[in-house]
Amino acid sequence: MDIPAALLYTILSSLAETALAPAPDPQLINEPAAMARMLPAEAKQGVMLPPVGDGFVIIDDQRWPLAPTAQIRSRQNLIVMPVQVQAPSEVLYLPNASGAIHRVWMLTSSEASAPRPR
């Protein structure tokens, strides 16, 4: 086999190997590994559905009002708008004194599986 044919074979086999490799789990790619978040012990854990934009959020099949100052934190600990939540997420949440959701933390897989203090 001459050099151009060998080079072409190497490039094509490398492309085929890359195309056939399984895709990495995007949640694990986006999971921060360097710094653990300080999550409040008094927060409750649940599954939040994507908000529909009516000022309410559904967590564990219960409809909660969102406080005017509500913060939703992504898995990367960034503040996100409610409309940016596109899929059901395992979360920790804190209601305020009036019963509205005040803070929400979307959990990474390792945070969700970690035991919570009672």
PDB file of N, CA and C in Angstrom:
ATOM      1  N   MET A   1       0.860  -1.160   0.000  1.00  0.00           N
ATOM      2  CA  MET A   1       0.000   0.000   0.000  1.00  0.00           C
ATOM      3  C   MET A   1       0.910   1.227   0.000  1.00  0.00           C
ATOM      4  N   ASP A   2       0.638   2.172  -0.901  1.00  0.00           N
ATOM      5  CA  ASP A   2       1.470   3.368  -0.947  1.00  0.00           C
ATOM      6  C   ASP A   2       1.053   4.347   0.155  1.00  0.00           C
ATOM      7  N   ILE A   3       1.818   5.390   0.362  1.00  0.00           N
ATOM      8  CA  ILE A   3       1.618   6.325   1.484  1.00  0.00           C
ATOM      9  C   ILE A   3       0.276   7.058   1.402  1.00  0.00           C
ATOM     10  N   PRO A   4      -0.150   7.623   0.244  1.00  0.00           N
ATOM     11  CA  PRO A   4      -1.459   8.297   0.221  1.00  0.00           C
ATOM     12  C   PRO A   4      -2.617   7.351   0.564  1.00  0.00           C
ATOM     13  N   ALA A   5      -2.559   6.121   0.107  1.00  0.00           N
ATOM     14  CA  ALA A   5      -3.624   5.171   0.416  1.00  0.00           C
ATOM     15  C   ALA A   5      -3.612   4.809   1.899  1.00  0.00           C
ATOM     16  N   ALA A   6      -2.438   4.644   2.474  1.00  0.00           N
ATOM     17  CA  ALA A   6      -2.329   4.334   3.903  1.00  0.00           C
ATOM     18  C   ALA A   6      -2.833   5.497   4.748  1.00  0.00           C
ATOM     19  N   LEU A   7      -2.506   6.716   4.340  1.00  0.00           N
ATOM     20  CA  LEU A   7      -2.968   7.906   5.051  1.00  0.00           C
ATOM     21  C   LEU A   7      -4.489   8.016   4.979  1.00  0.00           C
ATOM     22  N   LEU A   8      -5.046   7.797   3.808  1.00  0.00           N
ATOM     23  CA  LEU A   8      -6.494   7.846   3.631  1.00  0.00           C
ATOM     24  C   LEU A   8      -7.175   6.760   4.464  1.00  0.00           C
ATOM     25  N   TYR A   9      -6.613   5.559   4.491  1.00  0.00           N
ATOM     26  CA  TYR A   9      -7.161   4.469   5.290  1.00  0.00           C
ATOM     27  C   TYR A   9      -7.154   4.829   6.772  1.00  0.00           C
ATOM     28  N   THR A  10      -6.071   5.425   7.260  1.00  0.00           N
ATOM     29  CA  THR A  10      -5.960   5.818   8.668  1.00  0.00           C
ATOM     30  C   THR A  10      -7.007   6.865   9.019  1.00  0.00           C
ATOM     31  N   ILE A  11      -7.184   7.864   8.169  1.00  0.00           N
ATOM     32  CA  ILE A  11      -8.164   8.925   8.427  1.00  0.00           C
ATOM     33  C   ILE A  11      -9.578   8.363   8.436  1.00  0.00           C
ATOM     34  N   LEU A  12      -9.906   7.547   7.455  1.00  0.00           N
ATOM     35  CA  LEU A  12     -11.258   6.982   7.367  1.00  0.00           C
ATOM     36  C   LEU A  12     -11.559   6.043   8.533  1.00  0.00           C
ATOM     37  N   SER A  13     -10.591   5.235   8.929  1.00  0.00           N
ATOM     38  CA  SER A  13     -10.839   4.325  10.053  1.00  0.00           C
ATOM     39  C   SER A  13     -10.991   5.107  11.357  1.00  0.00           C
ATOM     40  N   SER A  14     -10.263   6.202  11.501  1.00  0.00           N
ATOM     41  CA  SER A  14     -10.397   7.045  12.692  1.00  0.00           C
ATOM     42  C   SER A  14     -11.775   7.698  12.738  1.00  0.00           C
ATOM     43  N   LEU A  15     -12.243   8.183  11.599  1.00  0.00           N
ATOM     44  CA  LEU A  15     -13.582   8.781  11.532  1.00  0.00           C
ATOM     45  C   LEU A  15     -14.665   7.750  11.843  1.00  0.00           C
ATOM     46  N   ALA A  16     -14.528   6.554  11.297  1.00  0.00           N
ATOM     47  CA  ALA A  16     -15.511   5.503  11.548  1.00  0.00           C
ATOM     48  C   ALA A  16     -15.528   5.114  13.022  1.00  0.00           C
ATOM     49  N   GLU A  17     -14.371   5.021  13.636  1.00  0.00           N
ATOM     50  CA  GLU A  17     -14.286   4.663  15.054  1.00  0.00           C
ATOM     51  C   GLU A  17     -14.949   5.733  15.925  1.00  0.00           C
ATOM     52  N   THR A  18     -14.713   6.998  15.579  1.00  0.00           N
ATOM     53  CA  THR A  18     -15.326   8.100  16.329  1.00  0.00           C
ATOM     54  C   THR A  18     -16.838   8.099  16.166  1.00  0.00           C
ATOM     55  N   ALA A  19     -17.312   7.866  14.950  1.00  0.00           N
ATOM     56  CA  ALA A  19     -18.751   7.875  14.686  1.00  0.00           C
ATOM     57  C   ALA A  19     -19.467   6.724  15.386  1.00  0.00           C
ATOM     58  N   LEU A  20     -18.802   5.598  15.554  1.00  0.00           N
ATOM     59  CA  LEU A  20     -19.431   4.428  16.163  1.00  0.00           C
ATOM     60  C   LEU A  20     -19.293   4.391  17.685  1.00  0.00           C
ATOM     61  N   ALA A  21     -18.489   5.264  18.248  1.00  0.00           N
ATOM     62  CA  ALA A  21     -18.313   5.291  19.708  1.00  0.00           C
ATOM     63  C   ALA A  21     -19.586   5.823  20.360  1.00  0.00           C
ATOM     64  N   PRO A  22     -19.988   5.278  21.508  1.00  0.00           N
ATOM     65  CA  PRO A  22     -21.198   5.763  22.164  1.00  0.00           C
ATOM     66  C   PRO A  22     -21.006   7.200  22.651  1.00  0.00           C
ATOM     67  N   ALA A  23     -22.081   7.963  22.566  1.00  0.00           N
ATOM     68  CA  ALA A  23     -22.030   9.361  23.006  1.00  0.00           C
ATOM     69  C   ALA A  23     -21.953   9.414  24.528  1.00  0.00           C
ATOM     70  N   PRO A  24     -21.169  10.322  25.078  1.00  0.00           N
ATOM     71  CA  PRO A  24     -21.103  10.453  26.538  1.00  0.00           C
ATOM     72  C   PRO A  24     -22.400  11.013  27.083  1.00  0.00           C
ATOM     73  N   ASP A  25     -22.701  10.701  28.331  1.00  0.00           N
ATOM     74  CA  ASP A  25     -23.903  11.189  28.987  1.00  0.00           C
ATOM     75  C   ASP A  25     -23.766  12.705  29.193  1.00  0.00           C
ATOM     76  N   PRO A  26     -24.655  13.540  28.580  1.00  0.00           N
ATOM     77  CA  PRO A  26     -24.501  14.987  28.698  1.00  0.00           C
ATOM     78  C   PRO A  26     -24.638  15.481  30.133  1.00  0.00           C
ATOM     79  N   GLN A  27     -25.395  14.793  30.958  1.00  0.00           N
ATOM     80  CA  GLN A  27     -25.541  15.230  32.345  1.00  0.00           C
ATOM     81  C   GLN A  27     -24.218  15.075  33.093  1.00  0.00           C
ATOM     82  N   LEU A  28     -23.446  14.036  32.781  1.00  0.00           N
ATOM     83  CA  LEU A  28     -22.167  13.850  33.442  1.00  0.00           C
ATOM     84  C   LEU A  28     -21.130  14.855  32.945  1.00  0.00           C
ATOM     85  N   ILE A  29     -21.233  15.255  31.685  1.00  0.00           N
ATOM     86  CA  ILE A  29     -20.316  16.253  31.156  1.00  0.00           C
ATOM     87  C   ILE A  29     -20.539  17.585  31.859  1.00  0.00           C
ATOM     88  N   ASN A  30     -21.797  17.944  32.084  1.00  0.00           N
ATOM     89  CA  ASN A  30     -22.129  19.232  32.674  1.00  0.00           C
ATOM     90  C   ASN A  30     -22.054  19.232  34.188  1.00  0.00           C
ATOM     91  N   GLU A  31     -21.794  18.101  34.788  1.00  0.00           N
ATOM     92  CA  GLU A  31     -21.752  18.030  36.239  1.00  0.00           C
ATOM     93  C   GLU A  31     -20.455  18.638  36.753  1.00  0.00           C
ATOM     94  N   PRO A  32     -20.567  19.668  37.598  1.00  0.00           N
ATOM     95  CA  PRO A  32     -19.339  20.272  38.110  1.00  0.00           C
ATOM     96  C   PRO A  32     -18.621  19.305  39.042  1.00  0.00           C
ATOM     97  N   ALA A  33     -17.338  19.133  38.818  1.00  0.00           N
ATOM     98  CA  ALA A  33     -16.574  18.183  39.619  1.00  0.00           C
ATOM     99  C   ALA A  33     -15.671  18.878  40.629  1.00  0.00           C
ATOM    100  N   ALA A  34     -15.389  20.150  40.410  1.00  0.00           N
ATOM    101  CA  ALA A  34     -14.387  20.816  41.217  1.00  0.00           C
ATOM    102  C   ALA A  34     -14.922  21.311  42.556  1.00  0.00           C
ATOM    103  N   MET A  35     -16.166  21.766  42.598  1.00  0.00           N
ATOM    104  CA  MET A  35     -16.636  22.434  43.797  1.00  0.00           C
ATOM    105  C   MET A  35     -18.022  21.936  44.193  1.00  0.00           C
ATOM    106  N   ALA A  36     -18.147  21.480  45.410  1.00  0.00           N
ATOM    107  CA  ALA A  36     -19.434  21.022  45.912  1.00  0.00           C
ATOM    108  C   ALA A  36     -20.246  22.230  46.379  1.00  0.00           C
ATOM    109  N   ARG A  37     -21.541  22.204  46.105  1.00  0.00           N
ATOM    110  CA  ARG A  37     -22.396  23.305  46.533  1.00  0.00           C
ATOM    111  C   ARG A  37     -22.808  23.116  47.983  1.00  0.00           C
ATOM    112  N   MET A  38     -23.006  24.212  48.658  1.00  0.00           N
ATOM    113  CA  MET A  38     -23.518  24.189  50.022  1.00  0.00           C
ATOM    114  C   MET A  38     -25.047  24.280  49.929  1.00  0.00           C
ATOM    115  N   LEU A  39     -25.706  23.145  50.031  1.00  0.00           N
ATOM    116  CA  LEU A  39     -27.162  23.094  49.944  1.00  0.00           C
ATOM    117  C   LEU A  39     -27.744  23.084  51.352  1.00  0.00           C
ATOM    118  N   PRO A  40     -28.800  23.864  51.591  1.00  0.00           N
ATOM    119  CA  PRO A  40     -29.353  23.952  52.944  1.00  0.00           C
ATOM    120  C   PRO A  40     -29.957  22.634  53.403  1.00  0.00           C
ATOM    121  N   ALA A  41     -29.705  22.289  54.645  1.00  0.00           N
ATOM    122  CA  ALA A  41     -30.208  21.037  55.206  1.00  0.00           C
ATOM    123  C   ALA A  41     -31.726  21.049  55.338  1.00  0.00           C
ATOM    124  N   GLU A  42     -32.324  22.223  55.508  1.00  0.00           N
ATOM    125  CA  GLU A  42     -33.771  22.305  55.705  1.00  0.00           C
ATOM    126  C   GLU A  42     -34.557  22.255  54.390  1.00  0.00           C
ATOM    127  N   ALA A  43     -33.861  22.254  53.250  1.00  0.00           N
ATOM    128  CA  ALA A  43     -34.539  22.194  51.951  1.00  0.00           C
ATOM    129  C   ALA A  43     -35.175  20.827  51.748  1.00  0.00           C
ATOM    130  N   LYS A  44     -36.287  20.825  51.037  1.00  0.00           N
ATOM    131  CA  LYS A  44     -37.007  19.589  50.728  1.00  0.00           C
ATOM    132  C   LYS A  44     -36.613  19.114  49.345  1.00  0.00           C
ATOM    133  N   GLN A  45     -36.620  17.807  49.130  1.00  0.00           N
ATOM    134  CA  GLN A  45     -36.242  17.233  47.842  1.00  0.00           C
ATOM    135  C   GLN A  45     -37.485  16.787  47.098  1.00  0.00           C
ATOM    136  N   GLY A  46     -37.489  16.976  45.782  1.00  0.00           N
ATOM    137  CA  GLY A  46     -38.615  16.557  44.970  1.00  0.00           C
ATOM    138  C   GLY A  46     -38.264  16.618  43.495  1.00  0.00           C
ATOM    139  N   VAL A  47     -39.259  16.330  42.660  1.00  0.00           N
ATOM    140  CA  VAL A  47     -39.099  16.400  41.211  1.00  0.00           C
ATOM    141  C   VAL A  47     -39.950  17.555  40.705  1.00  0.00           C
ATOM    142  N   MET A  48     -39.289  18.514  40.049  1.00  0.00           N
ATOM    143  CA  MET A  48     -39.973  19.698  39.534  1.00  0.00           C
ATOM    144  C   MET A  48     -40.222  19.542  38.045  1.00  0.00           C
ATOM    145  N   LEU A  49     -41.460  19.793  37.632  1.00  0.00           N
ATOM    146  CA  LEU A  49     -41.791  19.807  36.216  1.00  0.00           C
ATOM    147  C   LEU A  49     -41.437  21.169  35.640  1.00  0.00           C
ATOM    148  N   PRO A  50     -41.217  21.269  34.333  1.00  0.00           N
ATOM    149  CA  PRO A  50     -40.907  22.570  33.749  1.00  0.00           C
ATOM    150  C   PRO A  50     -42.063  23.548  33.996  1.00  0.00           C
ATOM    151  N   PRO A  51     -41.774  24.747  34.514  1.00  0.00           N
ATOM    152  CA  PRO A  51     -42.831  25.731  34.738  1.00  0.00           C
ATOM    153  C   PRO A  51     -43.472  26.138  33.410  1.00  0.00           C
ATOM    154  N   VAL A  52     -44.782  26.419  33.454  1.00  0.00           N
ATOM    155  CA  VAL A  52     -45.497  26.772  32.226  1.00  0.00           C
ATOM    156  C   VAL A  52     -45.639  28.280  32.042  1.00  0.00           C
ATOM    157  N   GLY A  53     -45.138  29.079  32.969  1.00  0.00           N
ATOM    158  CA  GLY A  53     -45.152  30.525  32.798  1.00  0.00           C
ATOM    159  C   GLY A  53     -46.323  31.231  33.438  1.00  0.00           C
ATOM    160  N   ASP A  54     -47.054  30.541  34.311  1.00  0.00           N
ATOM    161  CA  ASP A  54     -48.209  31.165  34.955  1.00  0.00           C
ATOM    162  C   ASP A  54     -47.915  31.613  36.385  1.00  0.00           C
ATOM    163  N   GLY A  55     -46.629  31.618  36.770  1.00  0.00           N
ATOM    164  CA  GLY A  55     -46.264  32.033  38.124  1.00  0.00           C
ATOM    165  C   GLY A  55     -46.323  30.914  39.135  1.00  0.00           C
ATOM    166  N   PHE A  56     -46.525  29.690  38.659  1.00  0.00           N
ATOM    167  CA  PHE A  56     -46.596  28.525  39.538  1.00  0.00           C
ATOM    168  C   PHE A  56     -45.604  27.473  39.053  1.00  0.00           C
ATOM    169  N   VAL A  57     -45.255  26.580  39.954  1.00  0.00           N
ATOM    170  CA  VAL A  57     -44.380  25.468  39.621  1.00  0.00           C
ATOM    171  C   VAL A  57     -44.966  24.211  40.265  1.00  0.00           C
ATOM    172  N   ILE A  58     -44.805  23.080  39.597  1.00  0.00           N
ATOM    173  CA  ILE A  58     -45.305  21.812  40.129  1.00  0.00           C
ATOM    174  C   ILE A  58     -44.118  20.984  40.596  1.00  0.00           C
ATOM    175  N   ILE A  59     -44.118  20.676  41.902  1.00  0.00           N
ATOM    176  CA  ILE A  59     -43.085  19.841  42.503  1.00  0.00           C
ATOM    177  C   ILE A  59     -43.786  18.678  43.190  1.00  0.00           C
ATOM    178  N   ASP A  60     -43.444  17.459  42.796  1.00  0.00           N
ATOM    179  CA  ASP A  60     -44.063  16.243  43.336  1.00  0.00           C
ATOM    180  C   ASP A  60     -45.587  16.312  43.279  1.00  0.00           C
ATOM    181  N   ASP A  61     -46.111  16.683  42.130  1.00  0.00           N
ATOM    182  CA  ASP A  61     -47.552  16.755  41.857  1.00  0.00           C
ATOM    183  C   ASP A  61     -48.287  17.767  42.727  1.00  0.00           C
ATOM    184  N   GLN A  62     -47.578  18.690  43.338  1.00  0.00           N
ATOM    185  CA  GLN A  62     -48.206  19.756  44.129  1.00  0.00           C
ATOM    186  C   GLN A  62     -47.893  21.086  43.461  1.00  0.00           C
ATOM    187  N   ARG A  63     -48.910  21.913  43.280  1.00  0.00           N
ATOM    188  CA  ARG A  63     -48.754  23.212  42.615  1.00  0.00           C
ATOM    189  C   ARG A  63     -48.380  24.266  43.654  1.00  0.00           C
ATOM    190  N   TRP A  64     -47.238  24.916  43.445  1.00  0.00           N
ATOM    191  CA  TRP A  64     -46.732  25.930  44.358  1.00  0.00           C
ATOM    192  C   TRP A  64     -46.640  27.267  43.624  1.00  0.00           C
ATOM    193  N   PRO A  65     -46.973  28.377  44.282  1.00  0.00           N
ATOM    194  CA  PRO A  65     -46.706  29.677  43.664  1.00  0.00           C
ATOM    195  C   PRO A  65     -45.214  29.993  43.756  1.00  0.00           C
ATOM    196  N   LEU A  66     -44.719  30.694  42.759  1.00  0.00           N
ATOM    197  CA  LEU A  66     -43.331  31.156  42.803  1.00  0.00           C
ATOM    198  C   LEU A  66     -43.302  32.523  43.470  1.00  0.00           C
ATOM    199  N   ALA A  67     -42.390  32.720  44.402  1.00  0.00           N
ATOM    200  CA  ALA A  67     -42.225  34.021  45.044  1.00  0.00           C
ATOM    201  C   ALA A  67     -41.714  35.023  44.009  1.00  0.00           C
ATOM    202  N   PRO A  68     -42.041  36.307  44.163  1.00  0.00           N
ATOM    203  CA  PRO A  68     -41.540  37.311  43.216  1.00  0.00           C
ATOM    204  C   PRO A  68     -40.011  37.343  43.144  1.00  0.00           C
ATOM    205  N   THR A  69     -39.354  36.958  44.214  1.00  0.00           N
ATOM    206  CA  THR A  69     -37.886  36.968  44.254  1.00  0.00           C
ATOM    207  C   THR A  69     -37.296  35.569  44.122  1.00  0.00           C
ATOM    208  N   ALA A  70     -38.048  34.640  43.551  1.00  0.00           N
ATOM    209  CA  ALA A  70     -37.597  33.246  43.444  1.00  0.00           C
ATOM    210  C   ALA A  70     -36.327  33.143  42.601  1.00  0.00           C
ATOM    211  N   GLN A  71     -35.441  32.249  43.022  1.00  0.00           N
ATOM    212  CA  GLN A  71     -34.226  31.931  42.275  1.00  0.00           C
ATOM    213  C   GLN A  71     -34.215  30.441  41.989  1.00  0.00           C
ATOM    214  N   ILE A  72     -33.978  30.109  40.726  1.00  0.00           N
ATOM    215  CA  ILE A  72     -33.788  28.718  40.337  1.00  0.00           C
ATOM    216  C   ILE A  72     -32.333  28.591  39.913  1.00  0.00           C
ATOM    217  N   ARG A  73     -31.617  27.677  40.546  1.00  0.00           N
ATOM    218  CA  ARG A  73     -30.200  27.455  40.239  1.00  0.00           C
ATOM    219  C   ARG A  73     -30.056  26.181  39.420  1.00  0.00           C
ATOM    220  N   SER A  74     -29.285  26.263  38.340  1.00  0.00           N
ATOM    221  CA  SER A  74     -29.042  25.108  37.473  1.00  0.00           C
ATOM    222  C   SER A  74     -28.056  24.151  38.142  1.00  0.00           C
ATOM    223  N   ARG A  75     -27.780  23.058  37.475  1.00  0.00           N
ATOM    224  CA  ARG A  75     -26.812  22.081  37.985  1.00  0.00           C
ATOM    225  C   ARG A  75     -25.405  22.676  38.057  1.00  0.00           C
ATOM    226  N   GLN A  76     -25.165  23.729  37.272  1.00  0.00           N
ATOM    227  CA  GLN A  76     -23.875  24.414  37.303  1.00  0.00           C
ATOM    228  C   GLN A  76     -23.890  25.568  38.307  1.00  0.00           C
ATOM    229  N   ASN A  77     -24.971  25.682  39.083  1.00  0.00           N
ATOM    230  CA  ASN A  77     -25.164  26.696  40.116  1.00  0.00           C
ATOM    231  C   ASN A  77     -25.364  28.096  39.546  1.00  0.00           C
ATOM    232  N   LEU A  78     -25.822  28.188  38.302  1.00  0.00           N
ATOM    233  CA  LEU A  78     -26.142  29.471  37.694  1.00  0.00           C
ATOM    234  C   LEU A  78     -27.624  29.754  37.875  1.00  0.00           C
ATOM    235  N   ILE A  79     -27.985  31.018  38.055  1.00  0.00           N
ATOM    236  CA  ILE A  79     -29.400  31.381  38.139  1.00  0.00           C
ATOM    237  C   ILE A  79     -30.000  31.284  36.743  1.00  0.00           C
ATOM    238  N   VAL A  80     -31.120  30.569  36.629  1.00  0.00           N
ATOM    239  CA  VAL A  80     -31.807  30.417  35.351  1.00  0.00           C
ATOM    240  C   VAL A  80     -33.237  30.928  35.489  1.00  0.00           C
ATOM    241  N   MET A  81     -33.787  31.370  34.385  1.00  0.00           N
ATOM    242  CA  MET A  81     -35.178  31.792  34.346  1.00  0.00           C
ATOM    243  C   MET A  81     -36.064  30.532  34.325  1.00  0.00           C
ATOM    244  N   PRO A  82     -37.284  30.629  34.865  1.00  0.00           N
ATOM    245  CA  PRO A  82     -38.152  29.444  34.868  1.00  0.00           C
ATOM    246  C   PRO A  82     -38.385  28.854  33.480  1.00  0.00           C
ATOM    247  N   VAL A  83     -38.454  29.685  32.442  1.00  0.00           N
ATOM    248  CA  VAL A  83     -38.699  29.160  31.096  1.00  0.00           C
ATOM    249  C   VAL A  83     -37.506  28.393  30.543  1.00  0.00           C
ATOM    250  N   GLN A  84     -36.329  28.507  31.175  1.00  0.00           N
ATOM    251  CA  GLN A  84     -35.157  27.768  30.725  1.00  0.00           C
ATOM    252  C   GLN A  84     -35.167  26.323  31.204  1.00  0.00           C
ATOM    253  N   VAL A  85     -36.028  25.989  32.146  1.00  0.00           N
ATOM    254  CA  VAL A  85     -36.143  24.614  32.630  1.00  0.00           C
ATOM    255  C   VAL A  85     -36.993  23.869  31.609  1.00  0.00           C
ATOM    256  N   GLN A  86     -36.392  22.923  30.909  1.00  0.00           N
ATOM    257  CA  GLN A  86     -37.064  22.255  29.797  1.00  0.00           C
ATOM    258  C   GLN A  86     -37.458  20.806  30.060  1.00  0.00           C
ATOM    259  N   ALA A  87     -37.034  20.243  31.181  1.00  0.00           N
ATOM    260  CA  ALA A  87     -37.323  18.837  31.464  1.00  0.00           C
ATOM    261  C   ALA A  87     -37.554  18.678  32.963  1.00  0.00           C
ATOM    262  N   PRO A  88     -38.280  17.639  33.375  1.00  0.00           N
ATOM    263  CA  PRO A  88     -38.428  17.386  34.808  1.00  0.00           C
ATOM    264  C   PRO A  88     -37.053  17.219  35.450  1.00  0.00           C
ATOM    265  N   SER A  89     -36.892  17.796  36.634  1.00  0.00           N
ATOM    266  CA  SER A  89     -35.585  17.786  37.298  1.00  0.00           C
ATOM    267  C   SER A  89     -35.736  17.439  38.764  1.00  0.00           C
ATOM    268  N   GLU A  90     -34.775  16.667  39.254  1.00  0.00           N
ATOM    269  CA  GLU A  90     -34.665  16.410  40.689  1.00  0.00           C
ATOM    270  C   GLU A  90     -34.144  17.703  41.317  1.00  0.00           C
ATOM    271  N   VAL A  91     -34.856  18.215  42.331  1.00  0.00           N
ATOM    272  CA  VAL A  91     -34.515  19.519  42.910  1.00  0.00           C
ATOM    273  C   VAL A  91     -34.553  19.486  44.432  1.00  0.00           C
ATOM    274  N   LEU A  92     -33.915  20.482  45.020  1.00  0.00           N
ATOM    275  CA  LEU A  92     -34.131  20.861  46.413  1.00  0.00           C
ATOM    276  C   LEU A  92     -34.843  22.195  46.351  1.00  0.00           C
ATOM    277  N   TYR A  93     -35.799  22.416  47.251  1.00  0.00           N
ATOM    278  CA  TYR A  93     -36.547  23.669  47.209  1.00  0.00           C
ATOM    279  C   TYR A  93     -36.846  24.158  48.615  1.00  0.00           C
ATOM    280  N   LEU A  94     -36.977  25.480  48.716  1.00  0.00           N
ATOM    281  CA  LEU A  94     -37.313  26.124  49.984  1.00  0.00           C
ATOM    282  C   LEU A  94     -38.515  27.029  49.777  1.00  0.00           C
ATOM    283  N   PRO A  95     -39.581  26.806  50.506  1.00  0.00           N
ATOM    284  CA  PRO A  95     -40.684  27.776  50.477  1.00  0.00           C
ATOM    285  C   PRO A  95     -40.388  28.922  51.446  1.00  0.00           C
ATOM    286  N   ASN A  96     -40.963  30.092  51.174  1.00  0.00           N
ATOM    287  CA  ASN A  96     -40.795  31.203  52.103  1.00  0.00           C
ATOM    288  C   ASN A  96     -41.917  31.161  53.147  1.00  0.00           C
ATOM    289  N   ALA A  97     -42.012  32.189  53.989  1.00  0.00           N
ATOM    290  CA  ALA A  97     -42.986  32.197  55.085  1.00  0.00           C
ATOM    291  C   ALA A  97     -44.431  32.169  54.588  1.00  0.00           C
ATOM    292  N   SER A  98     -44.692  32.696  53.384  1.00  0.00           N
ATOM    293  CA  SER A  98     -46.053  32.707  52.863  1.00  0.00           C
ATOM    294  C   SER A  98     -46.392  31.444  52.073  1.00  0.00           C
ATOM    295  N   GLY A  99     -45.463  30.509  51.961  1.00  0.00           N
ATOM    296  CA  GLY A  99     -45.730  29.243  51.275  1.00  0.00           C
ATOM    297  C   GLY A  99     -45.384  29.251  49.801  1.00  0.00           C
ATOM    298  N   ALA A 100     -44.780  30.325  49.302  1.00  0.00           N
ATOM    299  CA  ALA A 100     -44.352  30.378  47.901  1.00  0.00           C
ATOM    300  C   ALA A 100     -42.921  29.845  47.793  1.00  0.00           C
ATOM    301  N   ILE A 101     -42.610  29.271  46.652  1.00  0.00           N
ATOM    302  CA  ILE A 101     -41.267  28.740  46.440  1.00  0.00           C
ATOM    303  C   ILE A 101     -40.299  29.903  46.269  1.00  0.00           C
ATOM    304  N   HIS A 102     -39.291  29.922  47.127  1.00  0.00           N
ATOM    305  CA  HIS A 102     -38.340  31.019  47.191  1.00  0.00           C
ATOM    306  C   HIS A 102     -37.007  30.654  46.530  1.00  0.00           C
ATOM    307  N   ARG A 103     -36.519  29.440  46.741  1.00  0.00           N
ATOM    308  CA  ARG A 103     -35.250  28.980  46.184  1.00  0.00           C
ATOM    309  C   ARG A 103     -35.399  27.556  45.665  1.00  0.00           C
ATOM    310  N   VAL A 104     -34.768  27.287  44.509  1.00  0.00           N
ATOM    311  CA  VAL A 104     -34.765  25.948  43.909  1.00  0.00           C
ATOM    312  C   VAL A 104     -33.353  25.661  43.422  1.00  0.00           C
ATOM    313  N   TRP A 105     -32.865  24.481  43.738  1.00  0.00           N
ATOM    314  CA  TRP A 105     -31.565  24.017  43.242  1.00  0.00           C
ATOM    315  C   TRP A 105     -31.807  22.763  42.427  1.00  0.00           C
ATOM    316  N   MET A 106     -31.493  22.793  41.136  1.00  0.00           N
ATOM    317  CA  MET A 106     -31.565  21.595  40.308  1.00  0.00           C
ATOM    318  C   MET A 106     -30.351  20.739  40.666  1.00  0.00           C
ATOM    319  N   LEU A 107     -30.579  19.465  40.949  1.00  0.00           N
ATOM    320  CA  LEU A 107     -29.525  18.594  41.474  1.00  0.00           C
ATOM    321  C   LEU A 107     -28.813  17.822  40.377  1.00  0.00           C
ATOM    322  N   THR A 108     -27.521  17.650  40.567  1.00  0.00           N
ATOM    323  CA  THR A 108     -26.767  16.742  39.707  1.00  0.00           C
ATOM    324  C   THR A 108     -27.104  15.318  40.152  1.00  0.00           C
ATOM    325  N   SER A 109     -26.696  14.334  39.371  1.00  0.00           N
ATOM    326  CA  SER A 109     -27.004  12.949  39.738  1.00  0.00           C
ATOM    327  C   SER A 109     -26.352  12.562  41.062  1.00  0.00           C
ATOM    328  N   SER A 110     -25.139  13.048  41.310  1.00  0.00           N
ATOM    329  CA  SER A 110     -24.478  12.703  42.576  1.00  0.00           C
ATOM    330  C   SER A 110     -25.137  13.413  43.759  1.00  0.00           C
ATOM    331  N   GLU A 111     -25.604  14.655  43.575  1.00  0.00           N
ATOM    332  CA  GLU A 111     -26.307  15.355  44.657  1.00  0.00           C
ATOM    333  C   GLU A 111     -27.652  14.700  44.954  1.00  0.00           C
ATOM    334  N   ALA A 112     -28.345  14.255  43.901  1.00  0.00           N
ATOM    335  CA  ALA A 112     -29.648  13.636  44.084  1.00  0.00           C
ATOM    336  C   ALA A 112     -29.535  12.300  44.820  1.00  0.00           C
ATOM    337  N   SER A 113     -28.449  11.574  44.591  1.00  0.00           N
ATOM    338  CA  SER A 113     -28.304  10.262  45.236  1.00  0.00           C
ATOM    339  C   SER A 113     -27.677  10.344  46.625  1.00  0.00           C
ATOM    340  N   ALA A 114     -27.150  11.499  46.988  1.00  0.00           N
ATOM    341  CA  ALA A 114     -26.525  11.649  48.303  1.00  0.00           C
ATOM    342  C   ALA A 114     -27.594  11.645  49.389  1.00  0.00           C
ATOM    343  N   PRO A 115     -27.323  11.018  50.536  1.00  0.00           N
ATOM    344  CA  PRO A 115     -28.308  11.004  51.618  1.00  0.00           C
ATOM    345  C   PRO A 115     -28.511  12.421  52.173  1.00  0.00           C
ATOM    346  N   ARG A 116     -29.763  12.751  52.444  1.00  0.00           N
ATOM    347  CA  ARG A 116     -30.128  14.059  52.978  1.00  0.00           C
ATOM    348  C   ARG A 116     -30.321  13.959  54.474  1.00  0.00           C
ATOM    349  N   PRO A 117     -29.826  14.953  55.235  1.00  0.00           N
ATOM    350  CA  PRO A 117     -30.093  14.957  56.682  1.00  0.00           C
ATOM    351  C   PRO A 117     -31.572  15.167  56.937  1.00  0.00           C
ATOM    352  N   ARG A 118     -32.084  14.534  57.936  1.00  0.00           N
ATOM    353  CA  ARG A 118     -33.517  14.667  58.274  1.00  0.00           C
ATOM    354  C   ARG A 118     -33.701  15.566  59.466  1.00  0.00           C
TER     355      ARG A 118
END
